[in-house]
Amino acid sequence: MESISAERRATLIRSVRDLLKVELLDEYGMDRHLLDAWRGGDREYVERSAREYAEFVEAQSATGWTFRRVRVVSEPLSEYQRMAVATCGPSVKAGERLRWLPRREVSATPLPGNDCFVLDGSAVIFNVHDGEHGTIPEIQYSDDPDIVAFCRDTVEAAWARAVPHFDYRPS
């Protein structure tokens, strides 16, 4: 496993054709400012953030890029995930394929230990979060065929069980 920079992660993500991601946390500290704005009713900031991300997805999708994301979530949803459900529509309409998977549905499903991106089925990036602030102190990269196969197969299995964004009704 190789540690890489956030800049290299961004370059790799933009350079692939097929990106598959699994997210396993109920809250992400790097989005604290967005959650605070959503809590405070700052619709302008929240909508601008959602629009900027949707524009990125749309531009990437225009190049033939496919982005599928599975969010494994506890129910009832955390406040962060309620915000995510409420604000992801623009990126989905722009081309992101987003699905939600209740945590109770994955008890016997093997998944990677960290959030990860599967890159064209040939490499994987892991976001290793800290336990205190939900930030990412380490990013790992691997093209080891066994690690890639494990991540690809398990995240594909989670994808198959997950509910498409516009069909998801949290309990």
Protein backbone atom coordinates (compact mmCIF):
# COMPACT_ATOMS: atom_id res chain seq x y z
CA MET A 1 0.00 0.00 0.00
CA GLU A 2 1.38 3.39 -0.98
CA SER A 3 0.50 6.68 0.76
CA ILE A 4 -0.43 9.40 -1.73
CA SER A 5 -1.33 13.09 -1.58
CA ALA A 6 -4.79 14.57 -1.96
CA GLU A 7 -3.59 16.14 -5.21
CA ARG A 8 -2.58 12.76 -6.63
CA ARG A 9 -5.92 11.29 -5.53
CA ALA A 10 -7.75 14.07 -7.40
CA THR A 11 -5.63 13.53 -10.52
CA LEU A 12 -6.26 9.77 -10.47
CA ILE A 13 -10.01 10.23 -9.98
CA ARG A 14 -10.23 12.63 -12.91
CA SER A 15 -8.16 10.38 -15.17
CA VAL A 16 -10.26 7.20 -15.00
CA ARG A 17 -13.33 6.28 -17.02
CA ASP A 18 -15.16 4.24 -14.37
CA LEU A 19 -15.15 5.25 -10.72
CA LEU A 20 -16.91 3.21 -8.04
CA LYS A 21 -16.91 4.52 -4.46
CA VAL A 22 -18.20 3.22 -1.14
CA GLU A 23 -18.70 5.54 1.84
CA LEU A 24 -19.02 3.95 5.25
CA LEU A 25 -19.22 6.83 7.77
CA ASP A 26 -22.32 8.56 9.04
CA GLU A 27 -20.59 11.95 9.13
CA TYR A 28 -17.64 13.55 7.35
CA GLY A 29 -15.77 16.31 9.17
CA MET A 30 -14.47 17.88 5.98
CA ASP A 31 -18.08 18.87 5.22
CA ARG A 32 -18.67 20.47 8.64
CA HIS A 33 -19.03 23.95 7.09
CA LEU A 34 -21.72 22.64 4.74
CA LEU A 35 -23.57 20.90 7.57
CA ASP A 36 -23.41 24.09 9.66
CA ALA A 37 -24.87 26.09 6.75
CA TRP A 38 -27.63 23.51 6.23
CA ARG A 39 -28.42 23.54 9.98
CA GLY A 40 -28.51 27.32 9.96
CA GLY A 41 -30.84 27.52 6.97
CA ASP A 42 -28.25 29.14 4.67
CA ARG A 43 -29.93 27.83 1.53
CA GLU A 44 -27.83 30.02 -0.74
CA TYR A 45 -24.55 28.50 0.47
CA VAL A 46 -25.91 24.94 0.42
CA GLU A 47 -27.39 25.33 -3.07
CA ARG A 48 -24.19 26.94 -4.39
CA SER A 49 -22.11 24.06 -3.00
CA ALA A 50 -24.47 21.48 -4.52
CA ARG A 51 -24.44 23.33 -7.86
CA GLU A 52 -20.62 23.53 -7.96
CA TYR A 53 -20.29 19.81 -7.32
CA ALA A 54 -22.99 19.04 -9.90
CA GLU A 55 -21.08 21.13 -12.45
CA PHE A 56 -17.94 19.08 -11.75
CA VAL A 57 -19.90 15.83 -12.19
CA GLU A 58 -21.51 17.10 -15.39
CA ALA A 59 -18.16 18.17 -16.87
CA GLN A 60 -16.55 14.84 -15.99
CA SER A 61 -19.56 12.89 -17.29
CA ALA A 62 -19.32 14.74 -20.61
CA THR A 63 -15.91 13.10 -21.10
CA GLY A 64 -17.41 9.61 -20.71
CA TRP A 65 -16.60 9.39 -16.99
CA THR A 66 -18.94 7.18 -14.93
CA PHE A 67 -19.21 7.76 -11.19
CA ARG A 68 -21.14 5.32 -9.01
CA ARG A 69 -21.28 5.90 -5.25
CA VAL A 70 -22.76 3.69 -2.52
CA ARG A 71 -23.44 5.35 0.82
CA VAL A 72 -23.78 2.84 3.65
CA VAL A 73 -25.88 4.63 6.28
CA SER A 74 -27.28 4.02 9.73
CA GLU A 75 -31.01 4.50 10.13
CA PRO A 76 -32.48 6.61 11.42
CA LEU A 77 -30.14 8.84 9.45
CA SER A 78 -27.61 11.06 11.17
CA GLU A 79 -28.14 14.77 10.71
CA TYR A 80 -25.26 14.76 8.23
CA GLN A 81 -26.86 12.03 6.12
CA ARG A 82 -30.26 13.79 6.21
CA MET A 83 -28.46 16.79 4.73
CA ALA A 84 -26.80 14.56 2.13
CA VAL A 85 -30.12 13.01 1.05
CA ALA A 86 -31.64 16.48 0.79
CA THR A 87 -28.80 18.00 -1.25
CA CYS A 88 -27.58 15.25 -3.62
CA GLY A 89 -30.28 15.66 -6.26
CA PRO A 90 -28.33 18.09 -8.47
CA SER A 91 -25.26 15.84 -8.73
CA VAL A 92 -27.46 12.82 -9.50
CA LYS A 93 -29.25 14.77 -12.22
CA ALA A 94 -25.81 15.79 -13.55
CA GLY A 95 -24.71 12.17 -13.93
CA GLU A 96 -23.61 10.80 -10.57
CA ARG A 97 -25.13 7.40 -9.91
CA LEU A 98 -25.81 7.44 -6.19
CA ARG A 99 -27.31 4.64 -4.13
CA TRP A 100 -28.10 4.31 -0.43
CA LEU A 101 -27.60 1.11 1.55
CA PRO A 102 -28.96 0.86 5.10
CA ARG A 103 -26.27 -0.47 7.44
CA ARG A 104 -28.63 -3.18 8.72
CA GLU A 105 -28.50 -4.68 5.20
CA VAL A 106 -24.72 -5.22 5.26
CA SER A 107 -24.19 -7.09 8.53
CA ALA A 108 -23.02 -10.22 6.71
CA THR A 109 -21.58 -8.43 3.67
CA PRO A 110 -17.80 -8.09 3.43
CA LEU A 111 -16.75 -4.51 2.75
CA PRO A 112 -13.40 -2.68 2.75
CA GLY A 113 -12.32 -1.34 6.13
CA ASN A 114 -12.15 2.22 4.79
CA ASP A 115 -14.02 4.31 2.27
CA CYS A 116 -12.56 3.54 -1.12
CA PHE A 117 -12.58 4.38 -4.80
CA VAL A 118 -12.19 1.58 -7.34
CA LEU A 119 -10.49 3.06 -10.41
CA ASP A 120 -11.39 1.40 -13.71
CA GLY A 121 -11.39 -1.92 -11.85
CA SER A 122 -7.57 -1.87 -11.84
CA ALA A 123 -6.56 0.15 -8.78
CA VAL A 124 -8.04 1.34 -5.51
CA ILE A 125 -7.72 4.43 -3.31
CA PHE A 126 -8.58 4.29 0.39
CA ASN A 127 -9.50 7.35 2.43
CA VAL A 128 -8.27 6.56 5.96
CA HIS A 129 -10.31 8.76 8.31
CA ASP A 130 -9.31 9.77 11.80
CA GLY A 131 -11.53 8.90 14.74
CA GLU A 132 -11.81 12.37 16.15
CA HIS A 133 -12.74 14.85 13.42
CA GLY A 134 -13.79 12.79 10.41
CA THR A 135 -10.90 14.12 8.36
CA ILE A 136 -8.50 12.16 6.16
CA PRO A 137 -4.95 12.11 7.55
CA GLU A 138 -3.89 9.39 5.12
CA ILE A 139 -4.77 8.36 1.58
CA GLN A 140 -3.61 4.94 0.39
CA TYR A 141 -3.24 3.63 -3.17
CA SER A 142 -2.95 0.05 -4.35
CA ASP A 143 -2.95 -1.75 -7.66
CA ASP A 144 -2.40 -5.14 -6.04
CA PRO A 145 -4.75 -7.44 -8.00
CA ASP A 146 -6.04 -9.21 -4.87
CA ILE A 147 -6.86 -5.96 -3.06
CA VAL A 148 -8.46 -4.48 -6.18
CA ALA A 149 -10.54 -7.63 -6.78
CA PHE A 150 -11.74 -7.70 -3.17
CA CYS A 151 -12.78 -4.04 -3.27
CA ARG A 152 -14.31 -4.24 -6.73
CA ASP A 153 -16.32 -7.37 -5.95
CA THR A 154 -17.55 -6.28 -2.51
CA VAL A 155 -18.45 -2.75 -3.56
CA GLU A 156 -20.23 -4.10 -6.67
CA ALA A 157 -22.22 -6.42 -4.35
CA ALA A 158 -23.13 -3.46 -2.14
CA TRP A 159 -24.09 -1.47 -5.25
CA ALA A 160 -26.42 -4.26 -6.39
CA ARG A 161 -28.24 -4.23 -3.02
CA ALA A 162 -28.42 -0.45 -2.60
CA VAL A 163 -31.40 1.77 -3.43
CA PRO A 164 -31.10 4.44 -6.16
CA HIS A 165 -31.10 7.99 -4.78
CA PHE A 166 -34.52 9.09 -6.00
CA ASP A 167 -36.12 5.83 -4.79
CA TYR A 168 -34.55 5.89 -1.33
CA ARG A 169 -36.96 6.43 1.58
CA PRO A 170 -35.04 6.42 4.86
CA SER A 171 -36.75 4.73 7.78
